[in-house]
Amino acid sequence: QVQLVESGGGLVQAGGSLRLSCAASGRTFGGLAMGWFLQAPGKEREFVAAITWSGGNTYYADSVKGRFTISRDNNKNTVFLQMNSLKPEDTGVYYCAARPAYSSGGYAGTLYYNYWGQGTQVTVSS
């Protein structure tokens, strides 16, 4: 089992920045690929970003490319999402997710992640 705890959400004005963190426990962190997903009010949960177990490869939704950066610190069992130039449409609950490093399936699919955190709320005001 893997436990994931997100933090760092809050209220920010458009154009501002936030840094989300997700702390993992219960399994060797280096054996996990990690992802961030956003669930906006009234919408399905959607892919934001993902990072491979080594951090050597990252993937982003088109809507956040150039604004968000995913990274990880395997010594601290933590994955981060740096969010810059925030827009009102970035508002919602951000979830951290984990999957075994060599599991199959695309990084953007929620079905391919085995573990989920409780989420952290991000609100971007215009």
Foldseek 3Di string as FASTA:
>chain_A
DKAKAKDWADEEAQQAKIKMKIAMDDDQQLQKKKFKWFDAPPGDIWGAKIAASVRPDMDGDPVQPPFWDWGDDSVRRMIMIIGGRDDQVRWGWMKMFIAGRPFDDDPTDPVRTDDIYPTDGHGYHD
